[in-house]
Amino acid sequence: MKNNLKFVQKKFQAEECTAYFRENPVFEKIFRGFREKYASYGDFSGTVILKNISENDLEVLEGFFQKNFHGKKSISISAARFEKALKESRFEEFSPKEVLELYFQEKMTGKKEQQQSEEQRWNQALEETKIIYQKTFSARWLFEIGQTKDEMYFYLQKRYREAGKDKEEIKKVLELGCKVLNNFPYHQGNREYLAVFAARITGNPHAFDDGEREGVFLRMLIQWDLVHREIPVDRSEIFPALYRQRLYLAAGILRDDMSNCAMLCGIRTWKKNGELHEGMEGFFREGTPVQVPLSGIADWGRVECPEDTIYIVENPSVYAMLCGKWAGKKACMCMNGQPRLSAVLLLDLLAEAGVKIYYAGDFDPEGMLIAQKIKKYYQGEVCYWKMSAEDYEKSKSKEILTSKRLKMLEHIDDIELLQTAEALRKCGVIGYQENILEFLIL
């Protein structure tokens, strides 16, 4: 009974203390100053300086501190002065720290205590997640988190700070990482579209889109996975835009497929298991051109071309004419502008087969730069096909190039293209493959 009475009295005094200080706005400035110092030093210390004090606030301060402050432009309130005044007031049972906690309705902790508390919550969340996923593929990832201060670690720490004191929120992030790693399509020997994978893992088909923070998380998880599988992914500076597509494909995820195709004719293919690709064989026998998506080419293990040669052109209309003329007796391919990943994967297979490439593109800065990139990238023999300065003269149109586009020619450094680039710079007009079609059809 006596303890209950003391509790009630303490509660009443606490409410009275809080009400008194909140009735007088000047104390908010004082308490905010001491709260900041407590966060820095871990105790009630330092000095708070007040400026531009109103007459009413001045009277309140003089009443509490029992001191005349009139005539002063600024007032310094030290921790010691506040503690002395508090002990001499009717709120003597409360310490300065308790007053701050009552006023702000929160526990006062210093930076060191906060860091220790945050680290404890982080470790607890990590350990609880480890227990759940201890017998899964992702267990190694959980074990390695924090072992090295890498991009993944700093990303997770950022997410943890954003979650604040919510341990369950950071657990959700860790569990998402585990679900992603454990469910990569390659584990089952499959491939899956990015949107389908995202919907299966998160319920949102756009969760892993570019620009979304979970999209960044997915990329880092894939990179971690490939490092531990010791699978190198080409970071070629020649086609830097294709790096992410290669990365995702290695995890069995297709970022783009139906619009990422290669147009081919006269090519025989074998699957990665060594079996002849019967579908492609049918197109080869008929001499019929075919458009193959990225997912199809990714399953090929070997290719073969008649006479170990392939003719690659930039434009679909030229490609169509070549297919009609040769009917599959010569292998040909359409790049259709900048190379997509499907085309680059095929270039890798052609190089492994020792196939010689003849490449023909338009006579404009973009077309010539594509030709140069293909030659630099290809690990085999590449010949520029009808791309000399003389060929340019025959292909010229009346379409004038802007100075901005002409400046792109400064990046041409292949000795075989320098004369053509100079002719293009002097004439300043585009040359089209279609204008020399009669010379391309052998």
Protein backbone atom coordinates (compact mmCIF):
# COMPACT_ATOMS: atom_id res chain seq x y z
CA MET A 1 0.00 0.00 0.00
CA LYS A 2 2.82 2.36 0.96
CA ASN A 3 4.69 1.56 -2.28
CA ASN A 4 1.58 2.24 -4.34
CA LEU A 5 1.19 5.61 -2.63
CA LYS A 6 4.79 6.52 -3.39
CA PHE A 7 4.29 5.53 -7.03
CA VAL A 8 1.19 7.72 -7.30
CA GLN A 9 2.95 10.64 -5.64
CA LYS A 10 5.99 10.26 -7.95
CA LYS A 11 3.74 10.13 -10.98
CA PHE A 12 1.84 13.23 -9.86
CA GLN A 13 5.10 15.11 -9.23
CA ALA A 14 6.40 14.05 -12.66
CA GLU A 15 3.27 15.39 -14.34
CA GLU A 16 3.53 18.62 -12.35
CA CYS A 17 7.21 18.99 -13.28
CA THR A 18 6.53 18.39 -16.98
CA ALA A 19 3.61 20.81 -16.98
CA TYR A 20 5.64 23.57 -15.32
CA PHE A 21 8.50 23.47 -17.81
CA ARG A 22 6.18 23.11 -20.81
CA GLU A 23 4.11 26.12 -19.72
CA ASN A 24 7.17 28.31 -20.19
CA PRO A 25 8.55 28.18 -23.77
CA VAL A 26 11.95 29.53 -22.75
CA PHE A 27 12.77 26.14 -21.17
CA GLU A 28 12.37 24.43 -24.56
CA LYS A 29 15.41 26.35 -25.84
CA ILE A 30 17.37 25.35 -22.76
CA PHE A 31 16.35 21.70 -22.87
CA ARG A 32 16.98 21.33 -26.61
CA GLY A 33 20.50 22.64 -26.06
CA PHE A 34 21.18 20.21 -23.22
CA ARG A 35 19.64 17.30 -25.19
CA GLU A 36 22.11 17.91 -28.05
CA LYS A 37 24.99 18.02 -25.60
CA TYR A 38 23.79 14.84 -23.90
CA ALA A 39 23.74 13.09 -27.27
CA SER A 40 27.35 14.21 -27.88
CA TYR A 41 28.88 13.69 -24.43
CA GLY A 42 26.63 11.06 -22.87
CA ASP A 43 25.85 13.11 -19.77
CA PHE A 44 24.17 16.32 -18.61
CA SER A 45 26.95 18.87 -19.16
CA GLY A 46 28.01 21.98 -21.05
CA THR A 47 26.43 25.41 -21.34
CA VAL A 48 23.44 26.71 -23.25
CA ILE A 49 23.43 30.37 -24.34
CA LEU A 50 20.13 32.24 -24.71
CA LYS A 51 19.77 35.41 -26.80
CA ASN A 52 16.96 37.87 -27.55
CA ILE A 53 15.06 37.04 -24.34
CA SER A 54 11.60 38.55 -23.94
CA GLU A 55 10.56 40.31 -20.71
CA ASN A 56 8.19 37.48 -19.83
CA ASP A 57 10.89 34.81 -20.37
CA LEU A 58 13.32 36.89 -18.34
CA GLU A 59 10.95 36.88 -15.37
CA VAL A 60 10.49 33.10 -15.66
CA LEU A 61 14.25 32.51 -15.67
CA GLU A 62 14.82 34.84 -12.72
CA GLY A 63 12.12 33.03 -10.80
CA PHE A 64 13.57 29.57 -11.43
CA PHE A 65 17.27 30.42 -11.09
CA GLN A 66 16.74 32.99 -8.30
CA LYS A 67 19.07 35.42 -10.05
CA ASN A 68 18.73 38.89 -11.60
CA PHE A 69 19.32 38.72 -15.39
CA HIS A 70 18.10 42.23 -16.28
CA GLY A 71 20.35 44.25 -18.56
CA LYS A 72 22.07 41.18 -20.06
CA LYS A 73 22.09 40.74 -23.88
CA SER A 74 22.66 37.00 -23.53
CA ILE A 75 22.30 34.53 -20.69
CA SER A 76 24.54 31.50 -20.15
CA ILE A 77 22.92 28.54 -18.46
CA SER A 78 25.48 25.97 -17.39
CA ALA A 79 24.61 22.39 -16.47
CA ALA A 80 25.83 23.04 -12.93
CA ARG A 81 23.65 26.17 -12.59
CA PHE A 82 20.56 24.30 -13.82
CA GLU A 83 21.22 21.34 -11.50
CA LYS A 84 21.62 23.70 -8.47
CA ALA A 85 18.39 25.55 -9.31
CA LEU A 86 16.56 22.25 -9.77
CA LYS A 87 17.66 21.01 -6.31
CA GLU A 88 16.43 24.22 -4.75
CA SER A 89 13.03 23.95 -6.46
CA ARG A 90 9.98 21.84 -5.63
CA PHE A 91 11.23 19.36 -8.22
CA GLU A 92 14.34 18.44 -6.23
CA GLU A 93 13.53 14.70 -6.41
CA PHE A 94 14.28 14.69 -10.15
CA SER A 95 17.73 14.71 -11.73
CA PRO A 96 18.43 16.95 -14.76
CA LYS A 97 18.48 13.81 -16.96
CA GLU A 98 15.05 12.75 -15.65
CA VAL A 99 13.67 16.23 -16.35
CA LEU A 100 14.88 16.01 -19.96
CA GLU A 101 13.31 12.55 -20.35
CA LEU A 102 10.01 13.78 -18.90
CA TYR A 103 10.02 16.86 -21.11
CA PHE A 104 10.83 15.05 -24.39
CA GLN A 105 9.19 11.74 -23.47
CA GLU A 106 12.25 9.79 -24.58
CA LYS A 107 15.24 8.13 -23.00
CA MET A 108 18.41 10.23 -23.03
CA THR A 109 21.33 8.36 -24.56
CA GLY A 110 24.75 9.50 -25.72
CA LYS A 111 26.28 8.68 -29.09
CA LYS A 112 28.29 5.81 -27.64
CA GLU A 113 25.19 4.31 -26.04
CA GLN A 114 23.22 4.83 -29.26
CA GLN A 115 25.91 3.14 -31.32
CA GLN A 116 26.04 0.21 -28.90
CA SER A 117 22.26 -0.09 -28.95
CA GLU A 118 22.15 0.10 -32.77
CA GLU A 119 24.90 -2.49 -33.08
CA GLN A 120 23.04 -4.76 -30.67
CA ARG A 121 19.81 -4.47 -32.70
CA TRP A 122 21.71 -5.09 -35.95
CA ASN A 123 23.48 -8.18 -34.58
CA GLN A 124 20.22 -9.50 -33.16
CA ALA A 125 18.44 -9.08 -36.50
CA LEU A 126 21.35 -10.76 -38.32
CA GLU A 127 21.51 -13.69 -35.89
CA GLU A 128 17.75 -14.27 -36.04
CA THR A 129 17.91 -14.31 -39.86
CA LYS A 130 20.86 -16.72 -39.77
CA ILE A 131 18.80 -19.19 -37.75
CA ILE A 132 15.98 -19.09 -40.30
CA TYR A 133 18.23 -19.56 -43.35
CA GLN A 134 21.08 -21.60 -41.83
CA LYS A 135 20.57 -24.57 -44.15
CA THR A 136 20.12 -22.61 -47.38
CA PHE A 137 22.40 -21.30 -50.11
CA SER A 138 22.20 -17.79 -48.61
CA ALA A 139 23.77 -18.86 -45.30
CA ARG A 140 27.24 -18.03 -46.61
CA TRP A 141 26.10 -14.53 -47.58
CA LEU A 142 24.72 -13.90 -44.09
CA PHE A 143 27.96 -15.19 -42.56
CA GLU A 144 30.09 -12.87 -44.71
CA ILE A 145 28.06 -9.69 -44.10
CA GLY A 146 30.28 -7.26 -42.25
CA GLN A 147 33.43 -9.37 -42.70
CA THR A 148 34.58 -6.80 -45.24
CA LYS A 149 33.44 -3.18 -45.51
CA ASP A 150 32.31 -3.47 -49.13
CA GLU A 151 29.47 -1.95 -51.16
CA MET A 152 27.00 -4.53 -49.85
CA TYR A 153 27.87 -3.77 -46.21
CA PHE A 154 27.44 -0.01 -46.60
CA TYR A 155 24.17 -0.51 -48.49
CA LEU A 156 22.75 -2.64 -45.67
CA GLN A 157 23.95 -0.18 -43.05
CA LYS A 158 22.18 2.61 -44.93
CA ARG A 159 18.98 0.57 -45.02
CA TYR A 160 19.42 -0.12 -41.29
CA ARG A 161 19.75 3.59 -40.49
CA GLU A 162 16.64 4.28 -42.56
CA ALA A 163 14.77 1.65 -40.55
CA GLY A 164 15.67 3.47 -37.30
CA LYS A 165 14.85 1.44 -34.21
CA ASP A 166 12.69 -1.00 -36.15
CA LYS A 167 14.62 -4.28 -35.95
CA GLU A 168 11.90 -6.07 -37.89
CA GLU A 169 12.37 -3.73 -40.87
CA ILE A 170 16.06 -4.57 -41.29
CA LYS A 171 15.17 -8.26 -40.85
CA LYS A 172 12.84 -7.91 -43.84
CA VAL A 173 15.75 -6.55 -45.91
CA LEU A 174 18.04 -9.42 -44.86
CA GLU A 175 15.31 -11.97 -45.53
CA LEU A 176 14.70 -10.45 -48.97
CA GLY A 177 18.40 -10.90 -49.75
CA CYS A 178 18.16 -14.55 -48.73
CA LYS A 179 15.03 -15.15 -50.81
CA VAL A 180 16.69 -13.60 -53.88
CA LEU A 181 19.90 -15.65 -53.52
CA ASN A 182 18.04 -18.90 -52.85
CA ASN A 183 15.70 -18.44 -55.80
CA PHE A 184 17.95 -17.37 -58.66
CA PRO A 185 16.60 -19.18 -61.74
CA TYR A 186 20.00 -20.69 -62.57
CA HIS A 187 19.69 -22.97 -59.50
CA GLN A 188 17.05 -24.94 -61.44
CA GLY A 189 18.79 -24.49 -64.79
CA ASN A 190 16.11 -22.01 -65.86
CA ARG A 191 15.83 -18.43 -67.07
CA GLU A 192 13.17 -15.99 -65.99
CA TYR A 193 12.12 -12.49 -67.02
CA LEU A 194 13.04 -9.80 -64.50
CA ALA A 195 9.42 -8.74 -63.93
CA VAL A 196 8.33 -12.36 -63.38
CA PHE A 197 11.20 -12.97 -60.95
CA ALA A 198 10.36 -9.75 -59.06
CA ALA A 199 6.69 -10.71 -58.79
CA ARG A 200 7.56 -14.19 -57.55
CA ILE A 201 9.95 -12.90 -54.87
CA THR A 202 8.24 -9.69 -53.74
CA GLY A 203 4.74 -9.70 -55.22
CA ASN A 204 5.63 -6.55 -57.19
CA PRO A 205 6.78 -7.04 -60.82
CA HIS A 206 8.52 -3.64 -60.75
CA ALA A 207 10.35 -4.09 -57.44
CA PHE A 208 13.73 -4.66 -59.13
CA ASP A 209 13.36 -2.06 -61.89
CA ASP A 210 16.13 0.47 -62.54
CA GLY A 211 15.79 3.41 -60.17
CA GLU A 212 14.20 1.30 -57.42
CA ARG A 213 16.36 0.71 -54.34
CA GLU A 214 15.60 -3.02 -54.45
CA GLY A 215 16.96 -2.95 -58.01
CA VAL A 216 20.29 -1.78 -56.61
CA PHE A 217 20.10 -4.53 -53.98
CA LEU A 218 19.47 -7.19 -56.64
CA ARG A 219 22.49 -6.08 -58.68
CA MET A 220 24.78 -6.36 -55.63
CA LEU A 221 23.38 -9.79 -54.75
CA ILE A 222 24.05 -11.03 -58.29
CA GLN A 223 27.60 -9.68 -58.16
CA TRP A 224 28.19 -11.42 -54.81
CA ASP A 225 26.83 -14.67 -56.23
CA LEU A 226 29.02 -14.56 -59.35
CA VAL A 227 32.16 -13.83 -57.34
CA HIS A 228 31.54 -16.90 -55.19
CA ARG A 229 30.79 -19.06 -58.21
CA GLU A 230 33.99 -17.69 -59.77
CA ILE A 231 32.11 -16.65 -62.90
CA PRO A 232 33.74 -13.66 -64.62
CA VAL A 233 31.43 -11.17 -66.32
CA ASP A 234 32.97 -9.10 -69.10
CA ARG A 235 33.14 -5.43 -68.10
CA SER A 236 34.35 -4.52 -71.56
CA GLU A 237 34.68 -0.80 -72.14
CA ILE A 238 33.73 -1.47 -75.78
CA PHE A 239 30.10 -2.28 -74.93
CA PRO A 240 29.65 -0.94 -71.36
CA ALA A 241 25.86 -0.69 -71.71
CA LEU A 242 25.65 -4.49 -71.98
CA TYR A 243 27.41 -5.19 -68.68
CA ARG A 244 24.27 -5.29 -66.55
CA GLN A 245 22.45 -7.51 -69.04
CA ARG A 246 25.36 -9.98 -68.96
CA LEU A 247 25.34 -9.83 -65.16
CA TYR A 248 21.66 -10.67 -64.84
CA LEU A 249 21.82 -13.36 -67.53
CA ALA A 250 24.51 -15.17 -65.53
CA ALA A 251 21.98 -15.41 -62.67
CA GLY A 252 19.31 -16.69 -65.05
CA ILE A 253 17.43 -13.39 -65.22
CA LEU A 254 16.42 -11.81 -68.53
CA ARG A 255 16.22 -8.03 -68.35
CA ASP A 256 15.00 -7.91 -71.93
CA ASP A 257 14.38 -10.67 -74.41
CA MET A 258 11.82 -10.32 -77.18
CA SER A 259 13.21 -6.93 -78.27
CA ASN A 260 16.76 -8.25 -77.76
CA CYS A 261 17.13 -10.42 -80.83
CA ALA A 262 19.62 -11.33 -83.54
CA MET A 263 18.60 -11.66 -87.20
CA LEU A 264 20.43 -14.62 -88.75
CA CYS A 265 20.58 -16.75 -91.86
CA GLY A 266 22.78 -19.68 -92.90
CA ILE A 267 24.00 -20.61 -89.39
CA ARG A 268 24.01 -24.05 -87.79
CA THR A 269 23.86 -24.25 -84.00
CA TRP A 270 24.32 -26.78 -81.20
CA LYS A 271 22.97 -26.60 -77.66
CA LYS A 272 25.22 -26.44 -74.62
CA ASN A 273 24.59 -30.15 -74.01
CA GLY A 274 26.09 -30.92 -77.43
CA GLU A 275 22.82 -31.70 -79.21
CA LEU A 276 22.13 -30.21 -82.63
CA HIS A 277 19.51 -27.48 -82.46
CA GLU A 278 16.81 -29.00 -84.67
CA GLY A 279 14.83 -25.76 -84.97
CA MET A 280 17.78 -23.78 -86.26
CA GLU A 281 18.78 -26.72 -88.45
CA GLY A 282 15.44 -26.46 -90.23
CA PHE A 283 16.00 -22.77 -90.99
CA PHE A 284 19.54 -23.59 -92.15
CA ARG A 285 18.36 -26.31 -94.56
CA GLU A 286 15.63 -24.06 -95.98
CA GLY A 287 17.98 -21.06 -96.26
CA THR A 288 15.38 -19.01 -94.39
CA PRO A 289 16.27 -16.01 -92.21
CA VAL A 290 15.22 -16.19 -88.57
CA GLN A 291 15.02 -13.78 -85.65
CA VAL A 292 16.36 -15.40 -82.46
CA PRO A 293 15.75 -13.92 -78.98
CA LEU A 294 18.39 -13.57 -76.31
CA SER A 295 17.03 -16.55 -74.34
CA GLY A 296 17.56 -18.80 -77.36
CA ILE A 297 21.13 -17.70 -78.10
CA ALA A 298 22.03 -18.00 -74.41
CA ASP A 299 21.36 -21.76 -74.69
CA TRP A 300 23.72 -22.27 -77.62
CA GLY A 301 27.08 -23.89 -77.04
CA ARG A 302 28.52 -23.92 -80.57
CA VAL A 303 27.86 -22.43 -84.01
CA GLU A 304 29.06 -23.17 -87.54
CA CYS A 305 29.01 -21.08 -90.75
CA PRO A 306 29.58 -22.11 -94.40
CA GLU A 307 33.23 -21.55 -95.34
CA ASP A 308 33.80 -20.36 -91.75
CA THR A 309 32.67 -16.91 -92.84
CA ILE A 310 29.79 -14.60 -91.93
CA TYR A 311 28.69 -11.31 -93.48
CA ILE A 312 27.30 -8.81 -90.98
CA VAL A 313 25.47 -5.66 -92.03
CA GLU A 314 23.98 -2.77 -90.11
CA ASN A 315 20.65 -2.35 -91.94
CA PRO A 316 17.67 -4.76 -92.10
CA SER A 317 16.86 -3.86 -95.73
CA VAL A 318 20.38 -4.78 -96.89
CA TYR A 319 20.23 -7.95 -94.78
CA ALA A 320 16.92 -8.94 -96.42
CA MET A 321 18.44 -8.53 -99.89
CA LEU A 322 21.47 -10.66 -98.97
CA CYS A 323 19.25 -13.41 -97.53
CA GLY A 324 17.14 -13.44 -100.68
CA LYS A 325 20.20 -13.58 -102.94
CA TRP A 326 22.19 -16.22 -101.03
CA ALA A 327 19.32 -18.35 -99.63
CA GLY A 328 21.48 -19.56 -96.74
CA LYS A 329 24.48 -20.57 -98.88
CA LYS A 330 26.45 -17.84 -97.08
CA ALA A 331 25.92 -16.94 -93.43
CA CYS A 332 24.72 -13.44 -92.73
CA MET A 333 23.52 -11.41 -89.79
CA CYS A 334 21.89 -8.01 -89.22
CA MET A 335 23.21 -5.86 -86.38
CA ASN A 336 20.35 -3.35 -86.75
CA GLY A 337 22.19 -0.45 -85.10
CA GLN A 338 24.04 -0.69 -81.81
CA PRO A 339 24.85 -4.31 -80.88
CA ARG A 340 22.49 -5.88 -78.33
CA LEU A 341 23.54 -8.58 -75.91
CA SER A 342 22.06 -11.24 -78.18
CA ALA A 343 24.43 -10.15 -80.97
CA VAL A 344 27.43 -9.92 -78.65
CA LEU A 345 26.83 -13.45 -77.31
CA LEU A 346 26.73 -14.66 -80.90
CA LEU A 347 30.01 -12.85 -81.65
CA ASP A 348 31.57 -14.79 -78.77
CA LEU A 349 30.37 -18.09 -80.26
CA LEU A 350 31.58 -17.12 -83.74
CA ALA A 351 35.03 -16.31 -82.33
CA GLU A 352 35.20 -19.70 -80.59
CA ALA A 353 34.37 -21.34 -83.92
CA GLY A 354 37.12 -19.41 -85.74
CA VAL A 355 34.65 -17.67 -88.07
CA LYS A 356 35.88 -14.74 -90.15
CA ILE A 357 33.66 -11.64 -90.15
CA TYR A 358 33.00 -9.26 -93.02
CA TYR A 359 31.27 -6.19 -91.63
CA ALA A 360 29.51 -3.43 -93.57
CA GLY A 361 27.85 -0.40 -91.99
CA ASP A 362 26.52 3.02 -92.97
CA PHE A 363 28.88 5.90 -93.66
CA ASP A 364 27.94 8.12 -90.76
CA PRO A 365 29.78 8.67 -87.44
CA GLU A 366 27.53 6.27 -85.54
CA GLY A 367 27.85 3.51 -88.15
CA MET A 368 31.62 3.80 -88.35
CA LEU A 369 31.99 3.75 -84.58
CA ILE A 370 29.88 0.57 -84.42
CA ALA A 371 32.14 -1.04 -87.02
CA GLN A 372 35.24 -0.05 -85.05
CA LYS A 373 33.76 -1.39 -81.77
CA ILE A 374 32.94 -4.75 -83.35
CA LYS A 375 36.46 -5.14 -84.65
CA LYS A 376 37.96 -4.21 -81.28
CA TYR A 377 35.66 -6.59 -79.42
CA TYR A 378 35.80 -9.64 -81.70
CA GLN A 379 38.38 -12.26 -80.73
CA GLY A 380 38.90 -13.31 -84.33
CA GLU A 381 39.43 -11.89 -87.80
CA VAL A 382 37.29 -8.92 -88.90
CA CYS A 383 37.41 -7.31 -92.34
CA TYR A 384 35.62 -4.06 -93.17
CA TRP A 385 33.42 -4.84 -96.14
CA LYS A 386 32.85 -2.08 -98.68
CA MET A 387 33.70 0.67 -96.16
CA SER A 388 36.61 2.37 -97.93
CA ALA A 389 36.76 6.04 -98.89
CA GLU A 390 35.99 5.01 -102.49
CA ASP A 391 32.91 3.10 -101.34
CA TYR A 392 31.80 6.17 -99.41
CA GLU A 393 31.94 8.29 -102.58
CA LYS A 394 29.51 5.85 -104.26
CA SER A 395 27.16 5.78 -101.27
CA LYS A 396 26.77 9.52 -100.59
CA SER A 397 23.35 11.02 -100.02
CA LYS A 398 22.29 14.65 -99.71
CA GLU A 399 21.73 14.41 -95.97
CA ILE A 400 24.06 16.86 -94.23
CA LEU A 401 25.73 15.95 -90.93
CA THR A 402 25.67 18.40 -88.02
CA SER A 403 28.94 19.64 -86.56
CA LYS A 404 28.12 17.75 -83.34
CA ARG A 405 27.87 14.43 -85.20
CA LEU A 406 30.98 15.16 -87.27
CA LYS A 407 32.91 15.71 -84.03
CA MET A 408 32.21 12.06 -83.16
CA LEU A 409 34.64 11.10 -85.94
CA GLU A 410 37.48 12.17 -83.64
CA HIS A 411 36.97 8.82 -81.86
CA ILE A 412 37.84 6.84 -84.99
CA ASP A 413 41.36 5.50 -84.49
CA ASP A 414 41.34 2.29 -86.57
CA ILE A 415 43.92 2.81 -89.32
CA GLU A 416 41.65 1.10 -91.89
CA LEU A 417 38.86 3.61 -91.25
CA LEU A 418 40.87 6.84 -91.00
CA GLN A 419 40.74 7.66 -94.72
CA THR A 420 36.98 7.02 -94.81
CA ALA A 421 36.48 9.18 -91.72
CA GLU A 422 38.47 12.00 -93.33
CA ALA A 423 36.42 11.77 -96.54
CA LEU A 424 33.24 11.89 -94.49
CA ARG A 425 34.52 14.90 -92.57
CA LYS A 426 35.36 16.79 -95.76
CA CYS A 427 32.10 16.06 -97.60
CA GLY A 428 29.88 16.33 -94.50
CA VAL A 429 27.08 14.13 -95.85
CA ILE A 430 25.86 10.65 -94.90
CA GLY A 431 26.51 7.59 -97.05
CA TYR A 432 24.01 4.70 -97.01
CA GLN A 433 24.57 0.98 -97.58
CA GLU A 434 21.46 0.86 -99.74
CA ASN A 435 23.18 3.15 -102.26
CA ILE A 436 25.91 0.54 -102.93
CA LEU A 437 23.74 -2.54 -102.68
CA GLU A 438 24.80 -3.75 -106.13
CA PHE A 439 28.41 -3.93 -104.92
CA LEU A 440 27.47 -5.83 -101.74
CA ILE A 441 25.55 -8.66 -103.44
CA LEU A 442 28.36 -10.87 -104.65
